[in-house]
C-alpha atoms as a PDB file:
ATOM      1  CA  MET A   1     -10.123  17.455  10.249  1.00  0.00           C
ATOM      2  CA  LYS A   2      -7.466  18.465   7.582  1.00  0.00           C
ATOM      3  CA  LEU A   3      -5.400  15.127   6.890  1.00  0.00           C
ATOM      4  CA  VAL A   4      -2.760  14.720   4.160  1.00  0.00           C
ATOM      5  CA  PHE A   5      -1.838  11.156   3.027  1.00  0.00           C
ATOM      6  CA  ALA A   6       1.560  11.577   1.530  1.00  0.00           C
ATOM      7  CA  THR A   7       1.020   9.966  -2.089  1.00  0.00           C
ATOM      8  CA  HIS A   8       1.067  11.132  -5.298  1.00  0.00           C
ATOM      9  CA  ASN A   9      -0.466   7.599  -5.939  1.00  0.00           C
ATOM     10  CA  LYS A  10      -3.781   8.853  -7.421  1.00  0.00           C
ATOM     11  CA  ASN A  11      -5.400   5.131  -7.511  1.00  0.00           C
ATOM     12  CA  LYS A  12      -4.243   4.826  -4.407  1.00  0.00           C
ATOM     13  CA  PHE A  13      -5.609   8.107  -2.966  1.00  0.00           C
ATOM     14  CA  ILE A  14      -8.782   7.689  -4.461  1.00  0.00           C
ATOM     15  CA  GLU A  15      -8.916   4.195  -2.688  1.00  0.00           C
ATOM     16  CA  VAL A  16      -8.251   5.947   0.905  1.00  0.00           C
ATOM     17  CA  LYS A  17     -10.502   8.599   0.416  1.00  0.00           C
ATOM     18  CA  ALA A  18     -13.650   6.877  -0.252  1.00  0.00           C
ATOM     19  CA  MET A  19     -12.956   4.630   2.411  1.00  0.00           C
ATOM     20  CA  LEU A  20     -12.936   8.087   5.071  1.00  0.00           C
ATOM     21  CA  PRO A  21     -15.780  10.265   7.181  1.00  0.00           C
ATOM     22  CA  SER A  22     -17.083  13.288   4.895  1.00  0.00           C
ATOM     23  CA  HIS A  23     -15.612  15.388   7.811  1.00  0.00           C
ATOM     24  CA  ILE A  24     -11.959  14.287   7.244  1.00  0.00           C
ATOM     25  CA  GLU A  25     -10.809  16.309   4.197  1.00  0.00           C
ATOM     26  CA  LEU A  26      -8.159  14.946   2.787  1.00  0.00           C
ATOM     27  CA  LEU A  27      -5.026  16.083   0.402  1.00  0.00           C
ATOM     28  CA  SER A  28      -2.032  14.606  -1.080  1.00  0.00           C
ATOM     29  CA  LEU A  29       1.415  15.353  -1.973  1.00  0.00           C
ATOM     30  CA  ASP A  30       0.331  17.404  -4.605  1.00  0.00           C
ATOM     31  CA  ASP A  31      -2.317  19.016  -2.999  1.00  0.00           C
ATOM     32  CA  ILE A  32       0.253  20.650  -0.639  1.00  0.00           C
ATOM     33  CA  ASP A  33       2.850  21.145  -3.836  1.00  0.00           C
ATOM     34  CA  CYS A  34       5.307  18.704  -2.147  1.00  0.00           C
ATOM     35  CA  HIS A  35       7.372  17.875  -5.221  1.00  0.00           C
ATOM     36  CA  ASP A  36      10.285  16.617  -3.316  1.00  0.00           C
ATOM     37  CA  PRO A  37      11.270  12.950  -3.153  1.00  0.00           C
ATOM     38  CA  ILE A  38      10.683  11.584  -0.087  1.00  0.00           C
ATOM     39  CA  PRO A  39      13.098   8.865   1.075  1.00  0.00           C
ATOM     40  CA  GLU A  40      12.197   5.674   1.543  1.00  0.00           C
ATOM     41  CA  THR A  41      15.643   3.667   2.593  1.00  0.00           C
ATOM     42  CA  ALA A  42      14.396   2.357   5.604  1.00  0.00           C
ATOM     43  CA  ARG A  43      14.345  -1.925   6.052  1.00  0.00           C
ATOM     44  CA  THR A  44      11.056  -2.055   6.776  1.00  0.00           C
ATOM     45  CA  ILE A  45       7.796  -1.673   5.220  1.00  0.00           C
ATOM     46  CA  ALA A  46       6.958   0.266   8.666  1.00  0.00           C
ATOM     47  CA  GLY A  47      10.264   2.355   8.550  1.00  0.00           C
ATOM     48  CA  ASN A  48       9.618   3.406   5.388  1.00  0.00           C
ATOM     49  CA  ALA A  49       5.986   4.580   6.486  1.00  0.00           C
ATOM     50  CA  MET A  50       6.907   6.456   8.996  1.00  0.00           C
ATOM     51  CA  LEU A  51       9.877   8.078   7.261  1.00  0.00           C
ATOM     52  CA  LYS A  52       7.283   9.566   4.663  1.00  0.00           C
ATOM     53  CA  ALA A  53       4.720  10.792   7.261  1.00  0.00           C
ATOM     54  CA  GLU A  54       7.640  12.473   9.481  1.00  0.00           C
ATOM     55  CA  PHE A  55       8.787  14.036   6.475  1.00  0.00           C
ATOM     56  CA  VAL A  56       5.628  15.986   5.970  1.00  0.00           C
ATOM     57  CA  ARG A  57       4.997  17.006   9.579  1.00  0.00           C
ATOM     58  CA  LEU A  58       8.788  18.138   9.739  1.00  0.00           C
ATOM     59  CA  HIS A  59       8.465  20.196   6.231  1.00  0.00           C
ATOM     60  CA  TYR A  60       5.410  21.206   5.885  1.00  0.00           C
ATOM     61  CA  GLN A  61       4.045  21.328   9.959  1.00  0.00           C
ATOM     62  CA  LEU A  62       0.623  19.187   8.683  1.00  0.00           C
ATOM     63  CA  ASP A  63      -0.886  16.369  10.827  1.00  0.00           C
ATOM     64  CA  CYS A  64      -0.074  13.154   8.104  1.00  0.00           C
ATOM     65  CA  PHE A  65      -0.116   9.606   7.254  1.00  0.00           C
ATOM     66  CA  ALA A  66       1.401   7.612   5.168  1.00  0.00           C
ATOM     67  CA  ASP A  67       1.301   4.010   4.008  1.00  0.00           C
ATOM     68  CA  ASP A  68       4.331   1.372   2.453  1.00  0.00           C
ATOM     69  CA  THR A  69       2.735  -1.543   1.382  1.00  0.00           C
ATOM     70  CA  GLY A  70       5.351  -4.962   0.359  1.00  0.00           C
ATOM     71  CA  LEU A  71       3.887  -7.939  -1.313  1.00  0.00           C
ATOM     72  CA  GLU A  72       5.750 -11.021   0.656  1.00  0.00           C
ATOM     73  CA  VAL A  73       6.170 -14.221  -1.253  1.00  0.00           C
ATOM     74  CA  ARG A  74       6.846 -16.917   1.180  1.00  0.00           C
ATOM     75  CA  SER A  75       8.953 -19.235  -1.413  1.00  0.00           C
ATOM     76  CA  LEU A  76      11.192 -16.179  -2.225  1.00  0.00           C
ATOM     77  CA  ASN A  77      12.257 -15.113   1.270  1.00  0.00           C
ATOM     78  CA  ASN A  78       9.589 -12.683   1.648  1.00  0.00           C
ATOM     79  CA  GLU A  79      10.500 -10.947  -1.402  1.00  0.00           C
ATOM     80  CA  PRO A  80       9.829  -8.505  -3.260  1.00  0.00           C
ATOM     81  CA  GLY A  81       8.936  -7.176   0.535  1.00  0.00           C
ATOM     82  CA  VAL A  82      10.161  -3.775   1.076  1.00  0.00           C
ATOM     83  CA  TYR A  83      11.540  -3.525  -2.621  1.00  0.00           C
ATOM     84  CA  SER A  84       7.792  -4.631  -4.043  1.00  0.00           C
ATOM     85  CA  ALA A  85       7.699  -1.014  -5.915  1.00  0.00           C
ATOM     86  CA  ARG A  86      10.915  -1.076  -7.463  1.00  0.00           C
ATOM     87  CA  TYR A  87      11.690  -5.213  -7.512  1.00  0.00           C
ATOM     88  CA  ALA A  88      12.679  -5.004 -11.497  1.00  0.00           C
ATOM     89  CA  GLY A  89      14.335  -1.364 -10.992  1.00  0.00           C
ATOM     90  CA  PRO A  90      14.115   1.999  -9.853  1.00  0.00           C
ATOM     91  CA  GLU A  91      11.415   3.047 -12.707  1.00  0.00           C
ATOM     92  CA  ASN A  92       8.281   1.521 -10.133  1.00  0.00           C
ATOM     93  CA  ASP A  93       7.501  -0.347 -13.063  1.00  0.00           C
ATOM     94  CA  ALA A  94       4.184  -2.497 -12.495  1.00  0.00           C
ATOM     95  CA  ALA A  95       4.390  -4.315 -15.690  1.00  0.00           C
ATOM     96  CA  ALA A  96       8.129  -5.384 -15.653  1.00  0.00           C
ATOM     97  CA  ASN A  97       7.682  -5.874 -11.807  1.00  0.00           C
ATOM     98  CA  ILE A  98       4.938  -8.471 -12.640  1.00  0.00           C
ATOM     99  CA  SER A  99       7.579  -9.794 -14.749  1.00  0.00           C
ATOM    100  CA  LYS A 100      10.240 -10.401 -12.478  1.00  0.00           C
ATOM    101  CA  LEU A 101       7.949 -11.719 -10.387  1.00  0.00           C
ATOM    102  CA  LEU A 102       6.447 -14.533 -12.604  1.00  0.00           C
ATOM    103  CA  SER A 103      10.296 -15.718 -13.957  1.00  0.00           C
ATOM    104  CA  ASN A 104      11.462 -16.064 -10.396  1.00  0.00           C
ATOM    105  CA  LEU A 105       8.334 -18.152  -9.708  1.00  0.00           C
ATOM    106  CA  GLN A 106       9.029 -20.371 -12.477  1.00  0.00           C
ATOM    107  CA  GLY A 107       8.692 -23.802 -11.413  1.00  0.00           C
ATOM    108  CA  ILE A 108       8.322 -22.909  -7.879  1.00  0.00           C
ATOM    109  CA  LYS A 109       4.756 -25.119  -6.153  1.00  0.00           C
ATOM    110  CA  ASP A 110       4.537 -22.528  -3.123  1.00  0.00           C
ATOM    111  CA  ARG A 111       3.258 -19.322  -4.524  1.00  0.00           C
ATOM    112  CA  SER A 112       1.868 -18.377  -1.074  1.00  0.00           C
ATOM    113  CA  ALA A 113       1.934 -14.490  -0.758  1.00  0.00           C
ATOM    114  CA  ARG A 114       0.775 -11.871   1.505  1.00  0.00           C
ATOM    115  CA  PHE A 115       0.574  -8.242   0.815  1.00  0.00           C
ATOM    116  CA  LYS A 116       1.028  -6.436   3.909  1.00  0.00           C
ATOM    117  CA  THR A 117       0.083  -2.393   4.511  1.00  0.00           C
ATOM    118  CA  VAL A 118       1.288  -0.488   7.377  1.00  0.00           C
ATOM    119  CA  ILE A 119       0.188   3.294   7.900  1.00  0.00           C
ATOM    120  CA  ALA A 120       2.056   5.434  10.104  1.00  0.00           C
ATOM    121  CA  LEU A 121       0.017   8.229  11.395  1.00  0.00           C
ATOM    122  CA  THR A 122       1.386  11.691  12.844  1.00  0.00           C
ATOM    123  CA  LEU A 123      -1.370  13.470  14.739  1.00  0.00           C
ATOM    124  CA  LYS A 124      -1.186  16.023  17.199  1.00  0.00           C
ATOM    125  CA  GLY A 125       2.237  15.323  18.512  1.00  0.00           C
ATOM    126  CA  HIS A 126       1.231  11.735  18.468  1.00  0.00           C
ATOM    127  CA  GLU A 127       2.661   8.826  16.139  1.00  0.00           C
ATOM    128  CA  VAL A 128       1.262   5.498  15.657  1.00  0.00           C
ATOM    129  CA  LEU A 129       1.332   2.332  13.349  1.00  0.00           C
ATOM    130  CA  PHE A 130      -1.974   0.537  11.953  1.00  0.00           C
ATOM    131  CA  GLU A 131      -0.768  -3.008  10.055  1.00  0.00           C
ATOM    132  CA  GLY A 132      -3.283  -5.009   7.379  1.00  0.00           C
ATOM    133  CA  ILE A 133      -2.444  -7.944   5.844  1.00  0.00           C
ATOM    134  CA  CYS A 134      -3.800 -10.103   3.069  1.00  0.00           C
ATOM    135  CA  GLU A 135      -3.050 -13.750   2.403  1.00  0.00           C
ATOM    136  CA  GLY A 136      -3.408 -14.920  -1.039  1.00  0.00           C
ATOM    137  CA  THR A 137      -1.357 -16.429  -3.972  1.00  0.00           C
ATOM    138  CA  ILE A 138       0.344 -15.395  -7.185  1.00  0.00           C
ATOM    139  CA  ILE A 139      -1.247 -16.813  -9.931  1.00  0.00           C
ATOM    140  CA  THR A 140       0.866 -17.726 -13.319  1.00  0.00           C
ATOM    141  CA  ALA A 141      -0.413 -15.359 -15.598  1.00  0.00           C
ATOM    142  CA  PRO A 142      -2.190 -11.779 -15.345  1.00  0.00           C
ATOM    143  CA  ARG A 143      -5.895 -11.149 -14.520  1.00  0.00           C
ATOM    144  CA  GLY A 144      -8.433  -8.080 -14.687  1.00  0.00           C
ATOM    145  CA  LYS A 145      -8.025  -4.370 -15.726  1.00  0.00           C
ATOM    146  CA  ASP A 146      -8.500  -2.646 -12.492  1.00  0.00           C
ATOM    147  CA  GLY A 147      -5.719  -2.242  -9.313  1.00  0.00           C
ATOM    148  CA  PHE A 148      -2.530  -1.428  -9.679  1.00  0.00           C
ATOM    149  CA  GLY A 149       0.750  -3.035  -8.970  1.00  0.00           C
ATOM    150  CA  TYR A 150       0.572  -6.873  -8.322  1.00  0.00           C
ATOM    151  CA  ASP A 151      -3.037  -6.560  -8.296  1.00  0.00           C
ATOM    152  CA  PRO A 152      -3.104  -9.006 -11.578  1.00  0.00           C
ATOM    153  CA  VAL A 153      -1.614 -11.490 -10.057  1.00  0.00           C
ATOM    154  CA  PHE A 154      -2.671 -11.515  -6.517  1.00  0.00           C
ATOM    155  CA  GLN A 155      -5.290 -13.955  -5.672  1.00  0.00           C
ATOM    156  CA  PRO A 156      -6.361 -13.446  -1.946  1.00  0.00           C
ATOM    157  CA  LEU A 157      -7.358 -16.839  -0.196  1.00  0.00           C
ATOM    158  CA  GLY A 158     -10.978 -18.036  -0.755  1.00  0.00           C
ATOM    159  CA  TYR A 159     -11.389 -15.936  -3.579  1.00  0.00           C
ATOM    160  CA  ASP A 160     -11.630 -16.742  -7.414  1.00  0.00           C
ATOM    161  CA  LYS A 161     -10.279 -13.665  -8.732  1.00  0.00           C
ATOM    162  CA  THR A 162      -7.629 -11.446  -8.624  1.00  0.00           C
ATOM    163  CA  PHE A 163      -7.297  -8.408  -7.191  1.00  0.00           C
ATOM    164  CA  ALA A 164      -7.806  -6.276 -10.818  1.00  0.00           C
ATOM    165  CA  GLU A 165     -10.806  -8.268 -11.833  1.00  0.00           C
ATOM    166  CA  MET A 166     -12.178  -6.775  -8.243  1.00  0.00           C
ATOM    167  CA  THR A 167     -14.526  -3.725  -7.884  1.00  0.00           C
ATOM    168  CA  LEU A 168     -12.766  -1.134  -5.533  1.00  0.00           C
ATOM    169  CA  LEU A 169     -15.153  -1.764  -2.461  1.00  0.00           C
ATOM    170  CA  GLU A 170     -14.723  -5.963  -3.031  1.00  0.00           C
ATOM    171  CA  LYS A 171     -10.945  -5.120  -2.792  1.00  0.00           C
ATOM    172  CA  SER A 172     -11.068  -2.317  -0.221  1.00  0.00           C
ATOM    173  CA  GLU A 173     -13.115  -4.869   2.030  1.00  0.00           C
ATOM    174  CA  ILE A 174     -10.800  -7.983   2.318  1.00  0.00           C
ATOM    175  CA  GLY A 175      -7.758  -6.348   1.185  1.00  0.00           C
ATOM    176  CA  HIS A 176      -4.416  -5.326   3.290  1.00  0.00           C
ATOM    177  CA  ARG A 177      -5.144  -1.187   2.692  1.00  0.00           C
ATOM    178  CA  GLY A 178      -8.448  -1.703   4.024  1.00  0.00           C
ATOM    179  CA  LYS A 179      -8.036  -3.691   6.599  1.00  0.00           C
ATOM    180  CA  ALA A 180      -5.328  -1.153   8.008  1.00  0.00           C
ATOM    181  CA  MET A 181      -7.691   1.687   7.146  1.00  0.00           C
ATOM    182  CA  ARG A 182     -10.584   0.900   9.237  1.00  0.00           C
ATOM    183  CA  GLN A 183      -8.034   0.611  11.723  1.00  0.00           C
ATOM    184  CA  LEU A 184      -6.615   4.264  11.237  1.00  0.00           C
ATOM    185  CA  ILE A 185     -10.415   5.159  11.090  1.00  0.00           C
ATOM    186  CA  ASP A 186     -11.469   3.936  14.316  1.00  0.00           C
ATOM    187  CA  TYR A 187      -8.185   5.431  15.861  1.00  0.00           C
ATOM    188  CA  LEU A 188      -9.648   8.938  13.901  1.00  0.00           C
ATOM    189  CA  SER A 189     -12.883   8.664  15.266  1.00  0.00           C
ATOM    190  CA  ASP A 190     -11.684   9.917  18.884  1.00  0.00           C
ATOM    191  CA  PHE A 191     -10.380  13.198  17.440  1.00  0.00           C
END
């Protein structure tokens, strides 16, 4: 089965490809020569995931799944949420996003947060959503060199290291994207 994962993010692509069974040929947006900006104008994480999957289906006539992920910090009214990638501006600069988040959390005791991933799948005329959540806390300074995005400041509940200090396997077993991906993989086993 050939399936497009609607992303240009090489780290995310590697993380997801490692989880899929070998009978699924996974393609990225680069692999299908999709370089047009895909609008992410929805007000929800699920809405943005669906916009991306639908874009590929409509413009390339290929089965596709797309994800959108947001970091929701309870004491910041669930910010950055749907704006996680662009929290500090349109440049999608992870270091700037982390800096803004830590600045906004200065002096706040409740640093509880959660990562939420929604995967939208368009396959053979069906549209299905899968959701994964990982609860945790935001630490006061970045730690770790692996991962991407907010991984250096997100420490999952029950663990003493951040996502950026974990191996890819550790992160995918407990993380939000891994949880949503396992639901997607279960669903794909029927095809």
